[in-house]
Amino acid sequence: EKWALRYDINKINDFLIKIGINYKIKESELRKCLESEKTQELILKERIKAQKEYNITSTPTIYINDKKYEDKHEFESFKRQIDKLL
């Protein structure tokens, strides 16, 4: 839970804005929404809930088909895991 509280909300908002812009949502509308106290509280609650539900203790934490990925965080390792599922 502590890591979720420490993460810079501005970095999170910038990331969400980039996603929204890719879906043709106006940046000004996204910023207005994300800067609202209610939205920030909802996002934080969801992050804390996910952290507890998936036992996330560090970032990045990766799940593939609801199973925690424990191998190296390198392309070839990811590819091997995903290829096994195809």
PDB file of N, CA and C in Angstrom:
ATOM      1  N   GLU A   1       0.823  -1.194   0.000  1.00  0.00           N
ATOM      2  CA  GLU A   1       0.000   0.000   0.000  1.00  0.00           C
ATOM      3  C   GLU A   1       0.868   1.259   0.000  1.00  0.00           C
ATOM      4  N   LYS A   2       1.999   1.215   0.695  1.00  0.00           N
ATOM      5  CA  LYS A   2       2.846   2.396   0.776  1.00  0.00           C
ATOM      6  C   LYS A   2       3.370   2.819  -0.588  1.00  0.00           C
ATOM      7  N   TRP A   3       3.746   1.842  -1.457  1.00  0.00           N
ATOM      8  CA  TRP A   3       4.264   2.227  -2.773  1.00  0.00           C
ATOM      9  C   TRP A   3       3.198   2.946  -3.575  1.00  0.00           C
ATOM     10  N   ALA A   4       1.950   2.556  -3.411  1.00  0.00           N
ATOM     11  CA  ALA A   4       0.863   3.187  -4.170  1.00  0.00           C
ATOM     12  C   ALA A   4       0.699   4.641  -3.767  1.00  0.00           C
ATOM     13  N   LEU A   5       0.945   4.946  -2.526  1.00  0.00           N
ATOM     14  CA  LEU A   5       0.795   6.320  -2.056  1.00  0.00           C
ATOM     15  C   LEU A   5       1.975   7.195  -2.454  1.00  0.00           C
ATOM     16  N   ARG A   6       3.148   6.602  -2.619  1.00  0.00           N
ATOM     17  CA  ARG A   6       4.349   7.368  -2.928  1.00  0.00           C
ATOM     18  C   ARG A   6       4.463   7.731  -4.402  1.00  0.00           C
ATOM     19  N   TYR A   7       3.837   6.971  -5.280  1.00  0.00           N
ATOM     20  CA  TYR A   7       4.018   7.206  -6.705  1.00  0.00           C
ATOM     21  C   TYR A   7       3.483   8.579  -7.083  1.00  0.00           C
ATOM     22  N   ASP A   8       4.230   9.303  -7.888  1.00  0.00           N
ATOM     23  CA  ASP A   8       3.906  10.669  -8.280  1.00  0.00           C
ATOM     24  C   ASP A   8       2.624  10.708  -9.120  1.00  0.00           C
ATOM     25  N   ILE A   9       1.589  11.348  -8.593  1.00  0.00           N
ATOM     26  CA  ILE A   9       0.293  11.419  -9.277  1.00  0.00           C
ATOM     27  C   ILE A   9       0.415  12.119 -10.630  1.00  0.00           C
ATOM     28  N   ASN A  10       1.353  13.046 -10.763  1.00  0.00           N
ATOM     29  CA  ASN A  10       1.530  13.731 -12.040  1.00  0.00           C
ATOM     30  C   ASN A  10       2.014  12.777 -13.126  1.00  0.00           C
ATOM     31  N   LYS A  11       2.881  11.845 -12.769  1.00  0.00           N
ATOM     32  CA  LYS A  11       3.356  10.848 -13.738  1.00  0.00           C
ATOM     33  C   LYS A  11       2.206   9.952 -14.175  1.00  0.00           C
ATOM     34  N   ILE A  12       1.381   9.582 -13.226  1.00  0.00           N
ATOM     35  CA  ILE A  12       0.225   8.739 -13.539  1.00  0.00           C
ATOM     36  C   ILE A  12      -0.716   9.500 -14.471  1.00  0.00           C
ATOM     37  N   ASN A  13      -1.021  10.743 -14.126  1.00  0.00           N
ATOM     38  CA  ASN A  13      -1.923  11.552 -14.955  1.00  0.00           C
ATOM     39  C   ASN A  13      -1.365  11.736 -16.356  1.00  0.00           C
ATOM     40  N   ASP A  14      -0.068  12.004 -16.481  1.00  0.00           N
ATOM     41  CA  ASP A  14       0.540  12.164 -17.804  1.00  0.00           C
ATOM     42  C   ASP A  14       0.391  10.896 -18.633  1.00  0.00           C
ATOM     43  N   PHE A  15       0.573   9.762 -17.994  1.00  0.00           N
ATOM     44  CA  PHE A  15       0.420   8.485 -18.690  1.00  0.00           C
ATOM     45  C   PHE A  15      -1.023   8.280 -19.143  1.00  0.00           C
ATOM     46  N   LEU A  16      -1.975   8.556 -18.265  1.00  0.00           N
ATOM     47  CA  LEU A  16      -3.388   8.413 -18.617  1.00  0.00           C
ATOM     48  C   LEU A  16      -3.786   9.377 -19.729  1.00  0.00           C
ATOM     49  N   ILE A  17      -3.227  10.573 -19.719  1.00  0.00           N
ATOM     50  CA  ILE A  17      -3.522  11.553 -20.770  1.00  0.00           C
ATOM     51  C   ILE A  17      -3.013  11.057 -22.108  1.00  0.00           C
ATOM     52  N   LYS A  18      -1.816  10.478 -22.137  1.00  0.00           N
ATOM     53  CA  LYS A  18      -1.285   9.925 -23.389  1.00  0.00           C
ATOM     54  C   LYS A  18      -2.211   8.839 -23.938  1.00  0.00           C
ATOM     55  N   ILE A  19      -2.716   8.007 -23.071  1.00  0.00           N
ATOM     56  CA  ILE A  19      -3.654   6.960 -23.505  1.00  0.00           C
ATOM     57  C   ILE A  19      -4.921   7.600 -24.064  1.00  0.00           C
ATOM     58  N   GLY A  20      -5.478   8.564 -23.346  1.00  0.00           N
ATOM     59  CA  GLY A  20      -6.703   9.232 -23.787  1.00  0.00           C
ATOM     60  C   GLY A  20      -6.542   9.920 -25.117  1.00  0.00           C
ATOM     61  N   ILE A  21      -5.418  10.597 -25.317  1.00  0.00           N
ATOM     62  CA  ILE A  21      -5.164  11.290 -26.580  1.00  0.00           C
ATOM     63  C   ILE A  21      -5.140  10.290 -27.736  1.00  0.00           C
ATOM     64  N   ASN A  22      -4.599   9.113 -27.498  1.00  0.00           N
ATOM     65  CA  ASN A  22      -4.596   8.065 -28.530  1.00  0.00           C
ATOM     66  C   ASN A  22      -6.013   7.667 -28.935  1.00  0.00           C
ATOM     67  N   TYR A  23      -6.963   7.878 -28.043  1.00  0.00           N
ATOM     68  CA  TYR A  23      -8.366   7.562 -28.323  1.00  0.00           C
ATOM     69  C   TYR A  23      -9.171   8.815 -28.656  1.00  0.00           C
ATOM     70  N   LYS A  24      -8.455   9.869 -29.052  1.00  0.00           N
ATOM     71  CA  LYS A  24      -9.063  11.103 -29.567  1.00  0.00           C
ATOM     72  C   LYS A  24      -9.863  11.884 -28.521  1.00  0.00           C
ATOM     73  N   ILE A  25      -9.451  11.786 -27.259  1.00  0.00           N
ATOM     74  CA  ILE A  25     -10.077  12.585 -26.209  1.00  0.00           C
ATOM     75  C   ILE A  25      -9.225  13.837 -26.038  1.00  0.00           C
ATOM     76  N   LYS A  26      -9.868  14.984 -25.923  1.00  0.00           N
ATOM     77  CA  LYS A  26      -9.141  16.249 -25.801  1.00  0.00           C
ATOM     78  C   LYS A  26      -8.324  16.278 -24.509  1.00  0.00           C
ATOM     79  N   GLU A  27      -7.085  16.743 -24.646  1.00  0.00           N
ATOM     80  CA  GLU A  27      -6.208  16.825 -23.480  1.00  0.00           C
ATOM     81  C   GLU A  27      -6.800  17.712 -22.386  1.00  0.00           C
ATOM     82  N   SER A  28      -7.420  18.825 -22.775  1.00  0.00           N
ATOM     83  CA  SER A  28      -7.994  19.731 -21.773  1.00  0.00           C
ATOM     84  C   SER A  28      -9.097  19.044 -20.968  1.00  0.00           C
ATOM     85  N   GLU A  29      -9.912  18.220 -21.628  1.00  0.00           N
ATOM     86  CA  GLU A  29     -10.968  17.490 -20.918  1.00  0.00           C
ATOM     87  C   GLU A  29     -10.377  16.442 -19.980  1.00  0.00           C
ATOM     88  N   LEU A  30      -9.329  15.773 -20.456  1.00  0.00           N
ATOM     89  CA  LEU A  30      -8.676  14.769 -19.621  1.00  0.00           C
ATOM     90  C   LEU A  30      -8.064  15.402 -18.378  1.00  0.00           C
ATOM     91  N   ARG A  31      -7.360  16.506 -18.566  1.00  0.00           N
ATOM     92  CA  ARG A  31      -6.722  17.178 -17.425  1.00  0.00           C
ATOM     93  C   ARG A  31      -7.756  17.640 -16.398  1.00  0.00           C
ATOM     94  N   LYS A  32      -8.867  18.201 -16.891  1.00  0.00           N
ATOM     95  CA  LYS A  32      -9.926  18.663 -15.990  1.00  0.00           C
ATOM     96  C   LYS A  32     -10.455  17.490 -15.154  1.00  0.00           C
ATOM     97  N   CYS A  33     -10.678  16.367 -15.816  1.00  0.00           N
ATOM     98  CA  CYS A  33     -11.185  15.179 -15.126  1.00  0.00           C
ATOM     99  C   CYS A  33     -10.163  14.649 -14.118  1.00  0.00           C
ATOM    100  N   LEU A  34      -8.914  14.504 -14.567  1.00  0.00           N
ATOM    101  CA  LEU A  34      -7.890  13.921 -13.712  1.00  0.00           C
ATOM    102  C   LEU A  34      -7.496  14.823 -12.548  1.00  0.00           C
ATOM    103  N   GLU A  35      -7.673  16.109 -12.702  1.00  0.00           N
ATOM    104  CA  GLU A  35      -7.309  17.029 -11.628  1.00  0.00           C
ATOM    105  C   GLU A  35      -8.401  17.153 -10.568  1.00  0.00           C
ATOM    106  N   SER A  36      -9.548  16.568 -10.840  1.00  0.00           N
ATOM    107  CA  SER A  36     -10.609  16.630  -9.836  1.00  0.00           C
ATOM    108  C   SER A  36     -10.238  15.720  -8.668  1.00  0.00           C
ATOM    109  N   GLU A  37     -10.529  16.181  -7.481  1.00  0.00           N
ATOM    110  CA  GLU A  37     -10.214  15.430  -6.275  1.00  0.00           C
ATOM    111  C   GLU A  37     -10.934  14.079  -6.258  1.00  0.00           C
ATOM    112  N   LYS A  38     -12.164  14.068  -6.734  1.00  0.00           N
ATOM    113  CA  LYS A  38     -12.956  12.831  -6.750  1.00  0.00           C
ATOM    114  C   LYS A  38     -12.290  11.781  -7.646  1.00  0.00           C
ATOM    115  N   THR A  39     -11.839  12.190  -8.831  1.00  0.00           N
ATOM    116  CA  THR A  39     -11.198  11.257  -9.749  1.00  0.00           C
ATOM    117  C   THR A  39      -9.901  10.730  -9.158  1.00  0.00           C
ATOM    118  N   GLN A  40      -9.107  11.614  -8.568  1.00  0.00           N
ATOM    119  CA  GLN A  40      -7.841  11.185  -7.984  1.00  0.00           C
ATOM    120  C   GLN A  40      -8.061  10.175  -6.866  1.00  0.00           C
ATOM    121  N   GLU A  41      -9.092  10.388  -6.073  1.00  0.00           N
ATOM    122  CA  GLU A  41      -9.403   9.450  -4.993  1.00  0.00           C
ATOM    123  C   GLU A  41      -9.836   8.094  -5.551  1.00  0.00           C
ATOM    124  N   LEU A  42     -10.650   8.103  -6.603  1.00  0.00           N
ATOM    125  CA  LEU A  42     -11.083   6.850  -7.225  1.00  0.00           C
ATOM    126  C   LEU A  42      -9.905   6.074  -7.795  1.00  0.00           C
ATOM    127  N   ILE A  43      -8.987   6.770  -8.458  1.00  0.00           N
ATOM    128  CA  ILE A  43      -7.811   6.116  -9.034  1.00  0.00           C
ATOM    129  C   ILE A  43      -6.952   5.511  -7.925  1.00  0.00           C
ATOM    130  N   LEU A  44      -6.709   6.261  -6.877  1.00  0.00           N
ATOM    131  CA  LEU A  44      -5.901   5.753  -5.769  1.00  0.00           C
ATOM    132  C   LEU A  44      -6.547   4.522  -5.137  1.00  0.00           C
ATOM    133  N   LYS A  45      -7.856   4.561  -4.924  1.00  0.00           N
ATOM    134  CA  LYS A  45      -8.555   3.410  -4.339  1.00  0.00           C
ATOM    135  C   LYS A  45      -8.425   2.178  -5.225  1.00  0.00           C
ATOM    136  N   GLU A  46      -8.531   2.349  -6.541  1.00  0.00           N
ATOM    137  CA  GLU A  46      -8.392   1.222  -7.469  1.00  0.00           C
ATOM    138  C   GLU A  46      -6.974   0.660  -7.447  1.00  0.00           C
ATOM    139  N   ARG A  47      -5.981   1.532  -7.357  1.00  0.00           N
ATOM    140  CA  ARG A  47      -4.592   1.071  -7.303  1.00  0.00           C
ATOM    141  C   ARG A  47      -4.342   0.280  -6.025  1.00  0.00           C
ATOM    142  N   ILE A  48      -4.848   0.770  -4.908  1.00  0.00           N
ATOM    143  CA  ILE A  48      -4.676   0.072  -3.633  1.00  0.00           C
ATOM    144  C   ILE A  48      -5.396  -1.271  -3.659  1.00  0.00           C
ATOM    145  N   LYS A  49      -6.599  -1.293  -4.216  1.00  0.00           N
ATOM    146  CA  LYS A  49      -7.363  -2.544  -4.336  1.00  0.00           C
ATOM    147  C   LYS A  49      -6.599  -3.553  -5.188  1.00  0.00           C
ATOM    148  N   ALA A  50      -6.062  -3.120  -6.320  1.00  0.00           N
ATOM    149  CA  ALA A  50      -5.307  -4.018  -7.202  1.00  0.00           C
ATOM    150  C   ALA A  50      -4.043  -4.517  -6.509  1.00  0.00           C
ATOM    151  N   GLN A  51      -3.385  -3.626  -5.770  1.00  0.00           N
ATOM    152  CA  GLN A  51      -2.172  -4.007  -5.047  1.00  0.00           C
ATOM    153  C   GLN A  51      -2.471  -5.123  -4.055  1.00  0.00           C
ATOM    154  N   LYS A  52      -3.565  -5.014  -3.350  1.00  0.00           N
ATOM    155  CA  LYS A  52      -3.941  -6.034  -2.366  1.00  0.00           C
ATOM    156  C   LYS A  52      -4.390  -7.323  -3.057  1.00  0.00           C
ATOM    157  N   GLU A  53      -5.233  -7.185  -4.069  1.00  0.00           N
ATOM    158  CA  GLU A  53      -5.795  -8.355  -4.759  1.00  0.00           C
ATOM    159  C   GLU A  53      -4.718  -9.184  -5.451  1.00  0.00           C
ATOM    160  N   TYR A  54      -3.740  -8.528  -6.061  1.00  0.00           N
ATOM    161  CA  TYR A  54      -2.712  -9.226  -6.821  1.00  0.00           C
ATOM    162  C   TYR A  54      -1.377  -9.316  -6.089  1.00  0.00           C
ATOM    163  N   ASN A  55      -1.356  -8.919  -4.831  1.00  0.00           N
ATOM    164  CA  ASN A  55      -0.153  -9.005  -4.012  1.00  0.00           C
ATOM    165  C   ASN A  55       1.039  -8.323  -4.693  1.00  0.00           C
ATOM    166  N   ILE A  56       0.828  -7.110  -5.137  1.00  0.00           N
ATOM    167  CA  ILE A  56       1.878  -6.353  -5.807  1.00  0.00           C
ATOM    168  C   ILE A  56       2.744  -5.693  -4.744  1.00  0.00           C
ATOM    169  N   THR A  57       4.034  -6.010  -4.806  1.00  0.00           N
ATOM    170  CA  THR A  57       4.968  -5.448  -3.839  1.00  0.00           C
ATOM    171  C   THR A  57       6.030  -4.580  -4.510  1.00  0.00           C
ATOM    172  N   SER A  58       6.061  -4.599  -5.832  1.00  0.00           N
ATOM    173  CA  SER A  58       7.008  -3.762  -6.562  1.00  0.00           C
ATOM    174  C   SER A  58       6.468  -3.524  -7.967  1.00  0.00           C
ATOM    175  N   THR A  59       7.087  -2.586  -8.657  1.00  0.00           N
ATOM    176  CA  THR A  59       6.706  -2.335 -10.034  1.00  0.00           C
ATOM    177  C   THR A  59       7.942  -2.487 -10.908  1.00  0.00           C
ATOM    178  N   PRO A  60       7.813  -3.043 -12.103  1.00  0.00           N
ATOM    179  CA  PRO A  60       6.549  -3.560 -12.613  1.00  0.00           C
ATOM    180  C   PRO A  60       6.261  -4.955 -12.068  1.00  0.00           C
ATOM    181  N   THR A  61       5.013  -5.235 -11.841  1.00  0.00           N
ATOM    182  CA  THR A  61       4.535  -6.575 -11.523  1.00  0.00           C
ATOM    183  C   THR A  61       3.660  -6.982 -12.693  1.00  0.00           C
ATOM    184  N   ILE A  62       3.962  -8.126 -13.261  1.00  0.00           N
ATOM    185  CA  ILE A  62       3.301  -8.545 -14.499  1.00  0.00           C
ATOM    186  C   ILE A  62       2.545  -9.844 -14.262  1.00  0.00           C
ATOM    187  N   TYR A  63       1.320  -9.884 -14.754  1.00  0.00           N
ATOM    188  CA  TYR A  63       0.502 -11.090 -14.720  1.00  0.00           C
ATOM    189  C   TYR A  63       0.192 -11.505 -16.144  1.00  0.00           C
ATOM    190  N   ILE A  64       0.292 -12.795 -16.408  1.00  0.00           N
ATOM    191  CA  ILE A  64      -0.089 -13.352 -17.706  1.00  0.00           C
ATOM    192  C   ILE A  64      -1.140 -14.411 -17.412  1.00  0.00           C
ATOM    193  N   ASN A  65      -2.343 -14.202 -17.946  1.00  0.00           N
ATOM    194  CA  ASN A  65      -3.462 -15.116 -17.677  1.00  0.00           C
ATOM    195  C   ASN A  65      -3.656 -15.364 -16.189  1.00  0.00           C
ATOM    196  N   ASP A  66      -3.701 -14.304 -15.413  1.00  0.00           N
ATOM    197  CA  ASP A  66      -3.939 -14.342 -13.969  1.00  0.00           C
ATOM    198  C   ASP A  66      -2.848 -15.048 -13.169  1.00  0.00           C
ATOM    199  N   LYS A  67      -1.690 -15.301 -13.794  1.00  0.00           N
ATOM    200  CA  LYS A  67      -0.573 -15.918 -13.081  1.00  0.00           C
ATOM    201  C   LYS A  67       0.575 -14.916 -13.034  1.00  0.00           C
ATOM    202  N   LYS A  68       1.119 -14.715 -11.833  1.00  0.00           N
ATOM    203  CA  LYS A  68       2.199 -13.756 -11.658  1.00  0.00           C
ATOM    204  C   LYS A  68       3.432 -14.225 -12.427  1.00  0.00           C
ATOM    205  N   TYR A  69       3.968 -13.332 -13.242  1.00  0.00           N
ATOM    206  CA  TYR A  69       5.163 -13.610 -14.037  1.00  0.00           C
ATOM    207  C   TYR A  69       6.380 -13.380 -13.155  1.00  0.00           C
ATOM    208  N   GLU A  70       7.209 -14.405 -12.991  1.00  0.00           N
ATOM    209  CA  GLU A  70       8.343 -14.333 -12.075  1.00  0.00           C
ATOM    210  C   GLU A  70       9.690 -14.397 -12.784  1.00  0.00           C
ATOM    211  N   ASP A  71       9.711 -14.491 -14.090  1.00  0.00           N
ATOM    212  CA  ASP A  71      10.957 -14.634 -14.848  1.00  0.00           C
ATOM    213  C   ASP A  71      11.602 -13.267 -15.076  1.00  0.00           C
ATOM    214  N   LYS A  72      12.667 -13.236 -15.844  1.00  0.00           N
ATOM    215  CA  LYS A  72      13.378 -11.992 -16.156  1.00  0.00           C
ATOM    216  C   LYS A  72      12.476 -11.025 -16.907  1.00  0.00           C
ATOM    217  N   HIS A  73      12.690  -9.755 -16.693  1.00  0.00           N
ATOM    218  CA  HIS A  73      11.928  -8.722 -17.393  1.00  0.00           C
ATOM    219  C   HIS A  73      12.678  -8.305 -18.648  1.00  0.00           C
ATOM    220  N   GLU A  74      12.813  -9.263 -19.540  1.00  0.00           N
ATOM    221  CA  GLU A  74      13.467  -9.060 -20.831  1.00  0.00           C
ATOM    222  C   GLU A  74      12.553  -9.587 -21.919  1.00  0.00           C
ATOM    223  N   PHE A  75      12.689  -9.028 -23.111  1.00  0.00           N
ATOM    224  CA  PHE A  75      11.805  -9.394 -24.214  1.00  0.00           C
ATOM    225  C   PHE A  75      11.773 -10.897 -24.453  1.00  0.00           C
ATOM    226  N   GLU A  76      12.938 -11.531 -24.542  1.00  0.00           N
ATOM    227  CA  GLU A  76      12.983 -12.966 -24.858  1.00  0.00           C
ATOM    228  C   GLU A  76      12.266 -13.808 -23.792  1.00  0.00           C
ATOM    229  N   SER A  77      12.411 -13.420 -22.544  1.00  0.00           N
ATOM    230  CA  SER A  77      11.729 -14.149 -21.467  1.00  0.00           C
ATOM    231  C   SER A  77      10.215 -13.992 -21.573  1.00  0.00           C
ATOM    232  N   PHE A  78       9.751 -12.759 -21.827  1.00  0.00           N
ATOM    233  CA  PHE A  78       8.314 -12.532 -22.026  1.00  0.00           C
ATOM    234  C   PHE A  78       7.815 -13.353 -23.206  1.00  0.00           C
ATOM    235  N   LYS A  79       8.565 -13.292 -24.290  1.00  0.00           N
ATOM    236  CA  LYS A  79       8.171 -13.991 -25.521  1.00  0.00           C
ATOM    237  C   LYS A  79       8.024 -15.496 -25.274  1.00  0.00           C
ATOM    238  N   ARG A  80       8.987 -16.093 -24.577  1.00  0.00           N
ATOM    239  CA  ARG A  80       8.902 -17.529 -24.263  1.00  0.00           C
ATOM    240  C   ARG A  80       7.630 -17.853 -23.494  1.00  0.00           C
ATOM    241  N   GLN A  81       7.327 -17.051 -22.485  1.00  0.00           N
ATOM    242  CA  GLN A  81       6.134 -17.301 -21.668  1.00  0.00           C
ATOM    243  C   GLN A  81       4.857 -17.187 -22.507  1.00  0.00           C
ATOM    244  N   ILE A  82       4.795 -16.168 -23.328  1.00  0.00           N
ATOM    245  CA  ILE A  82       3.596 -15.938 -24.144  1.00  0.00           C
ATOM    246  C   ILE A  82       3.487 -17.001 -25.239  1.00  0.00           C
ATOM    247  N   ASP A  83       4.616 -17.367 -25.851  1.00  0.00           N
ATOM    248  CA  ASP A  83       4.599 -18.397 -26.901  1.00  0.00           C
ATOM    249  C   ASP A  83       4.087 -19.730 -26.367  1.00  0.00           C
ATOM    250  N   LYS A  84       4.382 -20.032 -25.114  1.00  0.00           N
ATOM    251  CA  LYS A  84       3.890 -21.275 -24.498  1.00  0.00           C
ATOM    252  C   LYS A  84       2.361 -21.312 -24.475  1.00  0.00           C
ATOM    253  N   LEU A  85       1.760 -20.141 -24.405  1.00  0.00           N
ATOM    254  CA  LEU A  85       0.301 -20.055 -24.286  1.00  0.00           C
ATOM    255  C   LEU A  85      -0.407 -20.033 -25.639  1.00  0.00           C
ATOM    256  N   LEU A  86       0.344 -19.831 -26.691  1.00  0.00           N
ATOM    257  CA  LEU A  86      -0.268 -19.743 -28.032  1.00  0.00           C
ATOM    258  C   LEU A  86      -0.478 -21.104 -28.646  1.00  0.00           C
TER     259      LEU A  86
END
